[in-house]
Amino acid sequence: VAVTAHKDEIALIVKRIEDDGRLRVENTGGLHPWAIGETPVE
């Protein structure tokens, strides 16, 4: 028998870096923008 539980979390990935330092991002996994809103990130 194999039993699984996953390590990873839904998150974001940098798509491009703009000149002013703003990062444009896309989700990895089912993270919805309306579910977290304006939020501190790392």
Full PDB file with SEQRES, HELIX, SHEET, SSBOND, CRYST1, ORIGX, SCALE, CONECT and MASTER records, all heavy atoms in Angstrom:
SEQRES   1 A   42  VAL ALA VAL THR ALA HIS LYS ASP GLU ILE ALA LEU ILE          
SEQRES   2 A   42  VAL LYS ARG ILE GLU ASP ASP GLY ARG LEU ARG VAL GLU          
SEQRES   3 A   42  ASN THR GLY GLY LEU HIS PRO TRP ALA ILE GLY GLU THR          
SEQRES   4 A   42  PRO VAL GLU                                                  
HELIX    1 AA1 PRO A   33  ILE A   36  1                                   4    
SHEET    1 AA1 2 ALA A  11  ILE A  17  0                                        
SHEET    2 AA1 2 LEU A  23  THR A  28 -1                                        
CRYST1    1.000    1.000    1.000  90.00  90.00  90.00 P 1           1          
ORIGX1      1.000000  0.000000  0.000000        0.00000                         
ORIGX2      0.000000  1.000000  0.000000        0.00000                         
ORIGX3      0.000000  0.000000  1.000000        0.00000                         
SCALE1      1.000000  0.000000  0.000000        0.00000                         
SCALE2      0.000000  1.000000  0.000000        0.00000                         
SCALE3      0.000000  0.000000  1.000000        0.00000                         
ATOM      1  N   VAL A   1       0.845  -1.189   0.000  1.00  0.00           N  
ATOM      2  CA  VAL A   1       0.000   0.000   0.000  1.00  0.00           C  
ATOM      3  C   VAL A   1       0.884   1.243   0.000  1.00  0.00           C  
ATOM      4  O   VAL A   1       1.876   1.306   0.724  1.00  0.00           O  
ATOM      5  CB  VAL A   1      -0.912   0.032   1.248  1.00  0.00           C  
ATOM      6  CG1 VAL A   1      -1.793   1.280   1.241  1.00  0.00           C  
ATOM      7  CG2 VAL A   1      -1.776  -1.223   1.314  1.00  0.00           C  
ATOM      8  N   ALA A   2       0.502   2.230  -0.806  1.00  0.00           N  
ATOM      9  CA  ALA A   2       1.128   3.555  -0.759  1.00  0.00           C  
ATOM     10  C   ALA A   2       0.120   4.550  -0.197  1.00  0.00           C  
ATOM     11  O   ALA A   2      -1.068   4.507  -0.538  1.00  0.00           O  
ATOM     12  CB  ALA A   2       1.574   3.996  -2.147  1.00  0.00           C  
ATOM     13  N   VAL A   3       0.586   5.427   0.686  1.00  0.00           N  
ATOM     14  CA  VAL A   3      -0.254   6.483   1.256  1.00  0.00           C  
ATOM     15  C   VAL A   3       0.421   7.817   0.944  1.00  0.00           C  
ATOM     16  O   VAL A   3       1.606   7.990   1.231  1.00  0.00           O  
ATOM     17  CB  VAL A   3      -0.419   6.329   2.779  1.00  0.00           C  
ATOM     18  CG1 VAL A   3      -1.366   7.404   3.315  1.00  0.00           C  
ATOM     19  CG2 VAL A   3      -0.926   4.939   3.130  1.00  0.00           C  
ATOM     20  N   THR A   4      -0.326   8.747   0.368  1.00  0.00           N  
ATOM     21  CA  THR A   4       0.270  10.016  -0.033  1.00  0.00           C  
ATOM     22  C   THR A   4      -0.388  11.198   0.669  1.00  0.00           C  
ATOM     23  O   THR A   4      -1.594  11.209   0.920  1.00  0.00           O  
ATOM     24  CB  THR A   4       0.161  10.253  -1.551  1.00  0.00           C  
ATOM     25  OG1 THR A   4      -1.190  10.566  -1.881  1.00  0.00           O  
ATOM     26  CG2 THR A   4       0.615   9.032  -2.338  1.00  0.00           C  
ATOM     27  N   ALA A   5       0.449  12.182   0.992  1.00  0.00           N  
ATOM     28  CA  ALA A   5      -0.002  13.519   1.370  1.00  0.00           C  
ATOM     29  C   ALA A   5       1.008  14.473   0.738  1.00  0.00           C  
ATOM     30  O   ALA A   5       2.214  14.208   0.777  1.00  0.00           O  
ATOM     31  CB  ALA A   5      -0.039  13.693   2.882  1.00  0.00           C  
ATOM     32  N   HIS A   6       0.565  15.558   0.153  1.00  0.00           N  
ATOM     33  CA  HIS A   6       1.504  16.347  -0.655  1.00  0.00           C  
ATOM     34  C   HIS A   6       2.175  17.467   0.137  1.00  0.00           C  
ATOM     35  O   HIS A   6       1.615  18.023   1.074  1.00  0.00           O  
ATOM     36  CB  HIS A   6       0.826  16.880  -1.913  1.00  0.00           C  
ATOM     37  CG  HIS A   6      -0.293  17.857  -1.701  1.00  0.00           C  
ATOM     38  ND1 HIS A   6      -0.085  19.201  -1.547  1.00  0.00           N  
ATOM     39  CD2 HIS A   6      -1.635  17.681  -1.675  1.00  0.00           C  
ATOM     40  CE1 HIS A   6      -1.247  19.816  -1.416  1.00  0.00           C  
ATOM     41  NE2 HIS A   6      -2.208  18.919  -1.486  1.00  0.00           N  
ATOM     42  N   LYS A   7       3.400  17.780  -0.299  1.00  0.00           N  
ATOM     43  CA  LYS A   7       4.223  18.787   0.360  1.00  0.00           C  
ATOM     44  C   LYS A   7       3.937  20.200  -0.122  1.00  0.00           C  
ATOM     45  O   LYS A   7       4.133  21.172   0.618  1.00  0.00           O  
ATOM     46  CB  LYS A   7       5.714  18.500   0.097  1.00  0.00           C  
ATOM     47  CG  LYS A   7       6.229  17.191   0.659  1.00  0.00           C  
ATOM     48  CD  LYS A   7       7.736  17.060   0.438  1.00  0.00           C  
ATOM     49  CE  LYS A   7       8.089  16.461  -0.909  1.00  0.00           C  
ATOM     50  NZ  LYS A   7       8.456  17.418  -1.928  1.00  0.00           N  
ATOM     51  N   ASP A   8       3.539  20.348  -1.372  1.00  0.00           N  
ATOM     52  CA  ASP A   8       3.514  21.677  -1.973  1.00  0.00           C  
ATOM     53  C   ASP A   8       2.244  22.438  -1.658  1.00  0.00           C  
ATOM     54  O   ASP A   8       1.236  21.865  -1.233  1.00  0.00           O  
ATOM     55  CB  ASP A   8       3.734  21.579  -3.477  1.00  0.00           C  
ATOM     56  CG  ASP A   8       2.627  20.798  -4.203  1.00  0.00           C  
ATOM     57  OD1 ASP A   8       2.151  19.790  -3.636  1.00  0.00           O  
ATOM     58  OD2 ASP A   8       2.250  21.202  -5.320  1.00  0.00           O  
ATOM     59  N   GLU A   9       2.302  23.743  -1.880  1.00  0.00           N  
ATOM     60  CA  GLU A   9       1.183  24.644  -1.640  1.00  0.00           C  
ATOM     61  C   GLU A   9       0.872  25.430  -2.906  1.00  0.00           C  
ATOM     62  O   GLU A   9       1.735  25.605  -3.779  1.00  0.00           O  
ATOM     63  CB  GLU A   9       1.511  25.622  -0.507  1.00  0.00           C  
ATOM     64  CG  GLU A   9       2.636  26.586  -0.852  1.00  0.00           C  
ATOM     65  CD  GLU A   9       3.192  27.304   0.367  1.00  0.00           C  
ATOM     66  OE1 GLU A   9       4.058  26.709   1.042  1.00  0.00           O  
ATOM     67  OE2 GLU A   9       2.771  28.443   0.619  1.00  0.00           O  
ATOM     68  N   ILE A  10      -0.353  25.916  -3.022  1.00  0.00           N  
ATOM     69  CA  ILE A  10      -0.695  26.833  -4.102  1.00  0.00           C  
ATOM     70  C   ILE A  10       0.069  28.143  -3.879  1.00  0.00           C  
ATOM     71  O   ILE A  10       0.236  28.594  -2.747  1.00  0.00           O  
ATOM     72  CB  ILE A  10      -2.206  27.073  -4.189  1.00  0.00           C  
ATOM     73  CG1 ILE A  10      -2.779  27.474  -2.818  1.00  0.00           C  
ATOM     74  CG2 ILE A  10      -2.908  25.840  -4.725  1.00  0.00           C  
ATOM     75  CD1 ILE A  10      -4.249  27.833  -2.845  1.00  0.00           C  
ATOM     76  N   ALA A  11       0.547  28.735  -4.958  1.00  0.00           N  
ATOM     77  CA  ALA A  11       1.408  29.903  -4.827  1.00  0.00           C  
ATOM     78  C   ALA A  11       1.384  30.697  -6.127  1.00  0.00           C  
ATOM     79  O   ALA A  11       0.483  30.532  -6.962  1.00  0.00           O  
ATOM     80  CB  ALA A  11       2.829  29.465  -4.471  1.00  0.00           C  
ATOM     81  N   LEU A  12       2.389  31.560  -6.300  1.00  0.00           N  
ATOM     82  CA  LEU A  12       2.512  32.402  -7.479  1.00  0.00           C  
ATOM     83  C   LEU A  12       3.907  32.239  -8.073  1.00  0.00           C  
ATOM     84  O   LEU A  12       4.850  31.838  -7.382  1.00  0.00           O  
ATOM     85  CB  LEU A  12       2.284  33.873  -7.116  1.00  0.00           C  
ATOM     86  CG  LEU A  12       0.903  34.217  -6.548  1.00  0.00           C  
ATOM     87  CD1 LEU A  12       0.907  35.606  -5.929  1.00  0.00           C  
ATOM     88  CD2 LEU A  12      -0.155  34.131  -7.642  1.00  0.00           C  
ATOM     89  N   ILE A  13       4.040  32.580  -9.345  1.00  0.00           N  
ATOM     90  CA  ILE A  13       5.319  32.535 -10.035  1.00  0.00           C  
ATOM     91  C   ILE A  13       5.492  33.838 -10.810  1.00  0.00           C  
ATOM     92  O   ILE A  13       4.525  34.358 -11.379  1.00  0.00           O  
ATOM     93  CB  ILE A  13       5.401  31.299 -10.952  1.00  0.00           C  
ATOM     94  CG1 ILE A  13       6.812  31.102 -11.495  1.00  0.00           C  
ATOM     95  CG2 ILE A  13       4.382  31.353 -12.068  1.00  0.00           C  
ATOM     96  CD1 ILE A  13       7.019  29.747 -12.162  1.00  0.00           C  
ATOM     97  N   VAL A  14       6.703  34.387 -10.793  1.00  0.00           N  
ATOM     98  CA  VAL A  14       6.973  35.656 -11.468  1.00  0.00           C  
ATOM     99  C   VAL A  14       6.960  35.448 -12.980  1.00  0.00           C  
ATOM    100  O   VAL A  14       7.716  34.628 -13.513  1.00  0.00           O  
ATOM    101  CB  VAL A  14       8.320  36.250 -11.012  1.00  0.00           C  
ATOM    102  CG1 VAL A  14       8.633  37.518 -11.804  1.00  0.00           C  
ATOM    103  CG2 VAL A  14       8.290  36.556  -9.515  1.00  0.00           C  
ATOM    104  N   LYS A  15       6.120  36.208 -13.659  1.00  0.00           N  
ATOM    105  CA  LYS A  15       6.042  36.143 -15.130  1.00  0.00           C  
ATOM    106  C   LYS A  15       6.958  37.175 -15.780  1.00  0.00           C  
ATOM    107  O   LYS A  15       7.598  36.909 -16.800  1.00  0.00           O  
ATOM    108  CB  LYS A  15       4.597  36.359 -15.572  1.00  0.00           C  
ATOM    109  CG  LYS A  15       4.406  36.236 -17.083  1.00  0.00           C  
ATOM    110  CD  LYS A  15       2.935  36.373 -17.462  1.00  0.00           C  
ATOM    111  CE  LYS A  15       2.749  36.192 -18.971  1.00  0.00           C  
ATOM    112  NZ  LYS A  15       1.306  36.294 -19.340  1.00  0.00           N  
ATOM    113  N   ARG A  16       6.986  38.388 -15.194  1.00  0.00           N  
ATOM    114  CA  ARG A  16       7.921  39.401 -15.702  1.00  0.00           C  
ATOM    115  C   ARG A  16       8.212  40.416 -14.605  1.00  0.00           C  
ATOM    116  O   ARG A  16       7.420  40.593 -13.665  1.00  0.00           O  
ATOM    117  CB  ARG A  16       7.394  40.083 -16.959  1.00  0.00           C  
ATOM    118  CG  ARG A  16       6.188  40.965 -16.782  1.00  0.00           C  
ATOM    119  CD  ARG A  16       5.800  41.612 -18.121  1.00  0.00           C  
ATOM    120  NE  ARG A  16       4.731  42.586 -17.967  1.00  0.00           N  
ATOM    121  CZ  ARG A  16       3.448  42.296 -18.017  1.00  0.00           C  
ATOM    122  NH1 ARG A  16       3.054  41.038 -18.199  1.00  0.00           N  
ATOM    123  NH2 ARG A  16       2.535  43.250 -17.883  1.00  0.00           N  
ATOM    124  N   ILE A  17       9.360  41.081 -14.760  1.00  0.00           N  
ATOM    125  CA  ILE A  17       9.811  42.096 -13.810  1.00  0.00           C  
ATOM    126  C   ILE A  17       9.806  43.433 -14.537  1.00  0.00           C  
ATOM    127  O   ILE A  17      10.527  43.617 -15.520  1.00  0.00           O  
ATOM    128  CB  ILE A  17      11.221  41.778 -13.291  1.00  0.00           C  
ATOM    129  CG1 ILE A  17      11.253  40.384 -12.644  1.00  0.00           C  
ATOM    130  CG2 ILE A  17      11.676  42.845 -12.288  1.00  0.00           C  
ATOM    131  CD1 ILE A  17      12.639  39.899 -12.291  1.00  0.00           C  
ATOM    132  N   GLU A  18       8.990  44.367 -14.082  1.00  0.00           N  
ATOM    133  CA  GLU A  18       8.895  45.661 -14.738  1.00  0.00           C  
ATOM    134  C   GLU A  18       9.968  46.613 -14.221  1.00  0.00           C  
ATOM    135  O   GLU A  18      10.541  46.400 -13.147  1.00  0.00           O  
ATOM    136  CB  GLU A  18       7.484  46.226 -14.549  1.00  0.00           C  
ATOM    137  CG  GLU A  18       6.429  45.302 -15.168  1.00  0.00           C  
ATOM    138  CD  GLU A  18       5.025  45.854 -15.116  1.00  0.00           C  
ATOM    139  OE1 GLU A  18       4.755  46.751 -14.292  1.00  0.00           O  
ATOM    140  OE2 GLU A  18       4.182  45.361 -15.895  1.00  0.00           O  
ATOM    141  N   ASP A  19      10.236  47.669 -14.970  1.00  0.00           N  
ATOM    142  CA  ASP A  19      11.342  48.574 -14.638  1.00  0.00           C  
ATOM    143  C   ASP A  19      11.186  49.206 -13.262  1.00  0.00           C  
ATOM    144  O   ASP A  19      12.181  49.499 -12.584  1.00  0.00           O  
ATOM    145  CB  ASP A  19      11.454  49.676 -15.702  1.00  0.00           C  
ATOM    146  CG  ASP A  19      11.928  49.137 -17.048  1.00  0.00           C  
ATOM    147  OD1 ASP A  19      12.501  48.020 -17.061  1.00  0.00           O  
ATOM    148  OD2 ASP A  19      11.723  49.822 -18.062  1.00  0.00           O  
ATOM    149  N   ASP A  20       9.934  49.444 -12.851  1.00  0.00           N  
ATOM    150  CA  ASP A  20       9.701  50.070 -11.551  1.00  0.00           C  
ATOM    151  C   ASP A  20       9.746  49.074 -10.398  1.00  0.00           C  
ATOM    152  O   ASP A  20       9.476  49.436  -9.244  1.00  0.00           O  
ATOM    153  CB  ASP A  20       8.370  50.816 -11.552  1.00  0.00           C  
ATOM    154  CG  ASP A  20       7.178  49.908 -11.858  1.00  0.00           C  
ATOM    155  OD1 ASP A  20       7.376  48.685 -11.993  1.00  0.00           O  
ATOM    156  OD2 ASP A  20       6.048  50.428 -11.966  1.00  0.00           O  
ATOM    157  N   GLY A  21      10.084  47.809 -10.688  1.00  0.00           N  
ATOM    158  CA  GLY A  21      10.198  46.802  -9.638  1.00  0.00           C  
ATOM    159  C   GLY A  21       8.918  46.063  -9.338  1.00  0.00           C  
ATOM    160  O   GLY A  21       8.905  45.172  -8.477  1.00  0.00           O  
ATOM    161  N   ARG A  22       7.854  46.401 -10.051  1.00  0.00           N  
ATOM    162  CA  ARG A  22       6.625  45.622  -9.881  1.00  0.00           C  
ATOM    163  C   ARG A  22       6.792  44.253 -10.538  1.00  0.00           C  
ATOM    164  O   ARG A  22       7.339  44.150 -11.636  1.00  0.00           O  
ATOM    165  CB  ARG A  22       5.427  46.342 -10.493  1.00  0.00           C  
ATOM    166  CG  ARG A  22       4.979  47.564  -9.692  1.00  0.00           C  
ATOM    167  CD  ARG A  22       3.784  48.233 -10.340  1.00  0.00           C  
ATOM    168  NE  ARG A  22       3.292  49.335  -9.511  1.00  0.00           N  
ATOM    169  CZ  ARG A  22       2.251  50.104  -9.824  1.00  0.00           C  
ATOM    170  NH1 ARG A  22       1.591  49.875 -10.959  1.00  0.00           N  
ATOM    171  NH2 ARG A  22       1.874  51.076  -9.024  1.00  0.00           N  
ATOM    172  N   LEU A  23       6.299  43.228  -9.858  1.00  0.00           N  
ATOM    173  CA  LEU A  23       6.364  41.873 -10.386  1.00  0.00           C  
ATOM    174  C   LEU A  23       4.984  41.469 -10.879  1.00  0.00           C  
ATOM    175  O   LEU A  23       4.004  41.523 -10.124  1.00  0.00           O  
ATOM    176  CB  LEU A  23       6.823  40.894  -9.301  1.00  0.00           C  
ATOM    177  CG  LEU A  23       8.152  41.199  -8.610  1.00  0.00           C  
ATOM    178  CD1 LEU A  23       8.446  40.122  -7.561  1.00  0.00           C  
ATOM    179  CD2 LEU A  23       9.294  41.296  -9.603  1.00  0.00           C  
ATOM    180  N   ARG A  24       4.901  41.072 -12.129  1.00  0.00           N  
ATOM    181  CA  ARG A  24       3.669  40.510 -12.655  1.00  0.00           C  
ATOM    182  C   ARG A  24       3.732  39.003 -12.450  1.00  0.00           C  
ATOM    183  O   ARG A  24       4.755  38.360 -12.737  1.00  0.00           O  
ATOM    184  CB  ARG A  24       3.512  40.855 -14.125  1.00  0.00           C  
ATOM    185  CG  ARG A  24       3.369  42.351 -14.375  1.00  0.00           C  
ATOM    186  CD  ARG A  24       2.052  42.898 -13.824  1.00  0.00           C  
ATOM    187  NE  ARG A  24       1.959  44.354 -13.985  1.00  0.00           N  
ATOM    188  CZ  ARG A  24       0.855  45.066 -13.796  1.00  0.00           C  
ATOM    189  NH1 ARG A  24      -0.265  44.438 -13.436  1.00  0.00           N  
ATOM    190  NH2 ARG A  24       0.854  46.370 -13.946  1.00  0.00           N  
ATOM    191  N   VAL A  25       2.649  38.428 -11.958  1.00  0.00           N  
ATOM    192  CA  VAL A  25       2.672  37.041 -11.506  1.00  0.00           C  
ATOM    193  C   VAL A  25       1.512  36.246 -12.086  1.00  0.00           C  
ATOM    194  O   VAL A  25       0.493  36.805 -12.500  1.00  0.00           O  
ATOM    195  CB  VAL A  25       2.622  36.962  -9.956  1.00  0.00           C  
ATOM    196  CG1 VAL A  25       3.890  37.529  -9.344  1.00  0.00           C  
ATOM    197  CG2 VAL A  25       1.392  37.688  -9.407  1.00  0.00           C  
ATOM    198  N   GLU A  26       1.691  34.944 -12.111  1.00  0.00           N  
ATOM    199  CA  GLU A  26       0.627  33.989 -12.407  1.00  0.00           C  
ATOM    200  C   GLU A  26       0.576  32.975 -11.279  1.00  0.00           C  
ATOM    201  O   GLU A  26       1.544  32.804 -10.532  1.00  0.00           O  
ATOM    202  CB  GLU A  26       0.878  33.292 -13.747  1.00  0.00           C  
ATOM    203  CG  GLU A  26       0.753  34.197 -14.951  1.00  0.00           C  
ATOM    204  CD  GLU A  26       0.875  33.433 -16.263  1.00  0.00           C  
ATOM    205  OE1 GLU A  26       1.237  32.230 -16.214  1.00  0.00           O  
ATOM    206  OE2 GLU A  26       0.611  34.039 -17.314  1.00  0.00           O  
ATOM    207  N   ASN A  27      -0.546  32.267 -11.191  1.00  0.00           N  
ATOM    208  CA  ASN A  27      -0.698  31.282 -10.119  1.00  0.00           C  
ATOM    209  C   ASN A  27      -0.083  29.948 -10.514  1.00  0.00           C  
ATOM    210  O   ASN A  27      -0.001  29.592 -11.679  1.00  0.00           O  
ATOM    211  CB  ASN A  27      -2.166  31.091  -9.756  1.00  0.00           C  
ATOM    212  CG  ASN A  27      -3.018  30.637 -10.930  1.00  0.00           C  
ATOM    213  OD1 ASN A  27      -2.842  31.083 -12.049  1.00  0.00           O  
ATOM    214  ND2 ASN A  27      -3.954  29.742 -10.655  1.00  0.00           N  
ATOM    215  N   THR A  28       0.392  29.220  -9.508  1.00  0.00           N  
ATOM    216  CA  THR A  28       0.767  27.818  -9.671  1.00  0.00           C  
ATOM    217  C   THR A  28      -0.195  27.019  -8.793  1.00  0.00           C  
ATOM    218  O   THR A  28      -0.160  27.105  -7.572  1.00  0.00           O  
ATOM    219  CB  THR A  28       2.226  27.547  -9.249  1.00  0.00           C  
ATOM    220  OG1 THR A  28       2.428  27.976  -7.901  1.00  0.00           O  
ATOM    221  CG2 THR A  28       3.185  28.293 -10.152  1.00  0.00           C  
ATOM    222  N   GLY A  29      -1.075  26.260  -9.424  1.00  0.00           N  
ATOM    223  CA  GLY A  29      -2.148  25.609  -8.698  1.00  0.00           C  
ATOM    224  C   GLY A  29      -3.348  26.530  -8.574  1.00  0.00           C  
ATOM    225  O   GLY A  29      -3.378  27.642  -9.123  1.00  0.00           O  
ATOM    226  N   GLY A  30      -4.341  26.086  -7.831  1.00  0.00           N  
ATOM    227  CA  GLY A  30      -5.632  26.767  -7.795  1.00  0.00           C  
ATOM    228  C   GLY A  30      -5.712  27.923  -6.825  1.00  0.00           C  
ATOM    229  O   GLY A  30      -6.606  27.964  -5.966  1.00  0.00           O  
ATOM    230  N   LEU A  31      -4.792  28.877  -6.941  1.00  0.00           N  
ATOM    231  CA  LEU A  31      -4.843  30.077  -6.108  1.00  0.00           C  
ATOM    232  C   LEU A  31      -5.601  31.159  -6.875  1.00  0.00           C  
ATOM    233  O   LEU A  31      -5.220  31.537  -7.989  1.00  0.00           O  
ATOM    234  CB  LEU A  31      -3.429  30.553  -5.774  1.00  0.00           C  
ATOM    235  CG  LEU A  31      -3.323  31.749  -4.828  1.00  0.00           C  
ATOM    236  CD1 LEU A  31      -3.949  31.430  -3.471  1.00  0.00           C  
ATOM    237  CD2 LEU A  31      -1.868  32.173  -4.661  1.00  0.00           C  
ATOM    238  N   HIS A  32      -6.676  31.669  -6.267  1.00  0.00           N  
ATOM    239  CA  HIS A  32      -7.519  32.680  -6.902  1.00  0.00           C  
ATOM    240  C   HIS A  32      -7.234  34.042  -6.280  1.00  0.00           C  
ATOM    241  O   HIS A  32      -7.133  34.157  -5.049  1.00  0.00           O  
ATOM    242  CB  HIS A  32      -8.993  32.329  -6.719  1.00  0.00           C  
ATOM    243  CG  HIS A  32      -9.357  30.975  -7.265  1.00  0.00           C  
ATOM    244  ND1 HIS A  32      -9.449  30.719  -8.624  1.00  0.00           N  
ATOM    245  CD2 HIS A  32      -9.622  29.802  -6.640  1.00  0.00           C  
ATOM    246  CE1 HIS A  32      -9.759  29.448  -8.812  1.00  0.00           C  
ATOM    247  NE2 HIS A  32      -9.881  28.872  -7.624  1.00  0.00           N  
ATOM    248  N   PRO A  33      -7.129  35.098  -7.092  1.00  0.00           N  
ATOM    249  CA  PRO A  33      -6.784  36.408  -6.521  1.00  0.00           C  
ATOM    250  C   PRO A  33      -7.822  36.921  -5.527  1.00  0.00           C  
ATOM    251  O   PRO A  33      -7.473  37.557  -4.534  1.00  0.00           O  
ATOM    252  CB  PRO A  33      -6.688  37.316  -7.758  1.00  0.00           C  
ATOM    253  CG  PRO A  33      -7.441  36.613  -8.838  1.00  0.00           C  
ATOM    254  CD  PRO A  33      -7.286  35.154  -8.555  1.00  0.00           C  
ATOM    255  N   TRP A  34      -9.094  36.617  -5.783  1.00  0.00           N  
ATOM    256  CA  TRP A  34     -10.141  37.091  -4.871  1.00  0.00           C  
ATOM    257  C   TRP A  34     -10.144  36.322  -3.552  1.00  0.00           C  
ATOM    258  O   TRP A  34     -10.797  36.747  -2.595  1.00  0.00           O  
ATOM    259  CB  TRP A  34     -11.509  37.004  -5.534  1.00  0.00           C  
ATOM    260  CG  TRP A  34     -11.739  35.776  -6.360  1.00  0.00           C  
ATOM    261  CD1 TRP A  34     -11.581  35.656  -7.713  1.00  0.00           C  
ATOM    262  CD2 TRP A  34     -12.149  34.481  -5.895  1.00  0.00           C  
ATOM    263  NE1 TRP A  34     -11.876  34.373  -8.125  1.00  0.00           N  
ATOM    264  CE2 TRP A  34     -12.225  33.631  -7.030  1.00  0.00           C  
ATOM    265  CE3 TRP A  34     -12.459  33.955  -4.649  1.00  0.00           C  
ATOM    266  CZ2 TRP A  34     -12.600  32.291  -6.940  1.00  0.00           C  
ATOM    267  CZ3 TRP A  34     -12.830  32.618  -4.551  1.00  0.00           C  
ATOM    268  CH2 TRP A  34     -12.895  31.805  -5.686  1.00  0.00           C  
ATOM    269  N   ALA A  35      -9.412  35.202  -3.478  1.00  0.00           N  
ATOM    270  CA  ALA A  35      -9.377  34.432  -2.232  1.00  0.00           C  
ATOM    271  C   ALA A  35      -8.357  34.991  -1.237  1.00  0.00           C  
ATOM    272  O   ALA A  35      -8.450  34.709  -0.042  1.00  0.00           O  
ATOM    273  CB  ALA A  35      -9.051  32.971  -2.522  1.00  0.00           C  
ATOM    274  N   ILE A  36      -7.380  35.768  -1.736  1.00  0.00           N  
ATOM    275  CA  ILE A  36      -6.373  36.298  -0.807  1.00  0.00           C  
ATOM    276  C   ILE A  36      -6.276  37.815  -0.848  1.00  0.00           C  
ATOM    277  O   ILE A  36      -5.834  38.432   0.119  1.00  0.00           O  
ATOM    278  CB  ILE A  36      -4.985  35.672  -1.047  1.00  0.00           C  
ATOM    279  CG1 ILE A  36      -4.512  35.903  -2.481  1.00  0.00           C  
ATOM    280  CG2 ILE A  36      -5.013  34.186  -0.728  1.00  0.00           C  
ATOM    281  CD1 ILE A  36      -3.077  35.433  -2.712  1.00  0.00           C  
ATOM    282  N   GLY A  37      -6.676  38.466  -1.959  1.00  0.00           N  
ATOM    283  CA  GLY A  37      -6.698  39.917  -2.011  1.00  0.00           C  
ATOM    284  C   GLY A  37      -5.332  40.552  -1.854  1.00  0.00           C  
ATOM    285  O   GLY A  37      -4.300  39.966  -2.185  1.00  0.00           O  
ATOM    286  N   GLU A  38      -5.321  41.792  -1.371  1.00  0.00           N  
ATOM    287  CA  GLU A  38      -4.057  42.510  -1.151  1.00  0.00           C  
ATOM    288  C   GLU A  38      -3.401  41.950   0.113  1.00  0.00           C  
ATOM    289  O   GLU A  38      -3.904  42.136   1.221  1.00  0.00           O  
ATOM    290  CB  GLU A  38      -4.317  44.006  -1.028  1.00  0.00           C  
ATOM    291  CG  GLU A  38      -4.749  44.615  -2.345  1.00  0.00           C  
ATOM    292  CD  GLU A  38      -5.072  46.091  -2.262  1.00  0.00           C  
ATOM    293  OE1 GLU A  38      -5.625  46.512  -1.224  1.00  0.00           O  
ATOM    294  OE2 GLU A  38      -4.791  46.802  -3.227  1.00  0.00           O  
ATOM    295  N   THR A  39      -2.302  41.269  -0.082  1.00  0.00           N  
ATOM    296  CA  THR A  39      -1.727  40.442   0.975  1.00  0.00           C  
ATOM    297  C   THR A  39      -0.206  40.590   1.000  1.00  0.00           C  
ATOM    298  O   THR A  39       0.416  40.654  -0.067  1.00  0.00           O  
ATOM    299  CB  THR A  39      -2.070  38.958   0.719  1.00  0.00           C  
ATOM    300  OG1 THR A  39      -3.482  38.815   0.594  1.00  0.00           O  
ATOM    301  CG2 THR A  39      -1.565  38.065   1.843  1.00  0.00           C  
ATOM    302  N   PRO A  40       0.413  40.626   2.169  1.00  0.00           N  
ATOM    303  CA  PRO A  40       1.880  40.559   2.226  1.00  0.00           C  
ATOM    304  C   PRO A  40       2.373  39.216   1.696  1.00  0.00           C  
ATOM    305  O   PRO A  40       1.784  38.174   1.993  1.00  0.00           O  
ATOM    306  CB  PRO A  40       2.179  40.706   3.721  1.00  0.00           C  
ATOM    307  CG  PRO A  40       0.963  41.303   4.317  1.00  0.00           C  
ATOM    308  CD  PRO A  40      -0.178  40.798   3.492  1.00  0.00           C  
ATOM    309  N   VAL A  41       3.425  39.248   0.911  1.00  0.00           N  
ATOM    310  CA  VAL A  41       3.985  38.035   0.329  1.00  0.00           C  
ATOM    311  C   VAL A  41       5.497  38.030   0.512  1.00  0.00           C  
ATOM    312  O   VAL A  41       6.100  39.043   0.907  1.00  0.00           O  
ATOM    313  CB  VAL A  41       3.640  37.923  -1.179  1.00  0.00           C  
ATOM    314  CG1 VAL A  41       2.145  37.773  -1.391  1.00  0.00           C  
ATOM    315  CG2 VAL A  41       4.186  39.121  -1.968  1.00  0.00           C  
ATOM    316  N   GLU A  42       6.086  36.883   0.230  1.00  0.00           N  
ATOM    317  CA  GLU A  42       7.541  36.757   0.205  1.00  0.00           C  
ATOM    318  C   GLU A  42       7.957  36.246  -1.167  1.00  0.00           C  
ATOM    319  O   GLU A  42       7.369  35.288  -1.690  1.00  0.00           O  
ATOM    320  CB  GLU A  42       8.025  35.794   1.292  1.00  0.00           C  
ATOM    321  CG  GLU A  42       7.765  36.297   2.703  1.00  0.00           C  
ATOM    322  CD  GLU A  42       8.290  35.342   3.761  1.00  0.00           C  
ATOM    323  OE1 GLU A  42       9.435  34.854   3.635  1.00  0.00           O  
ATOM    324  OE2 GLU A  42       7.541  35.060   4.714  1.00  0.00           O  
TER     325      GLU A  42                                                      
MASTER        0    0    0    1    2    0    0    6  324    1    0    4          
END                                                                             
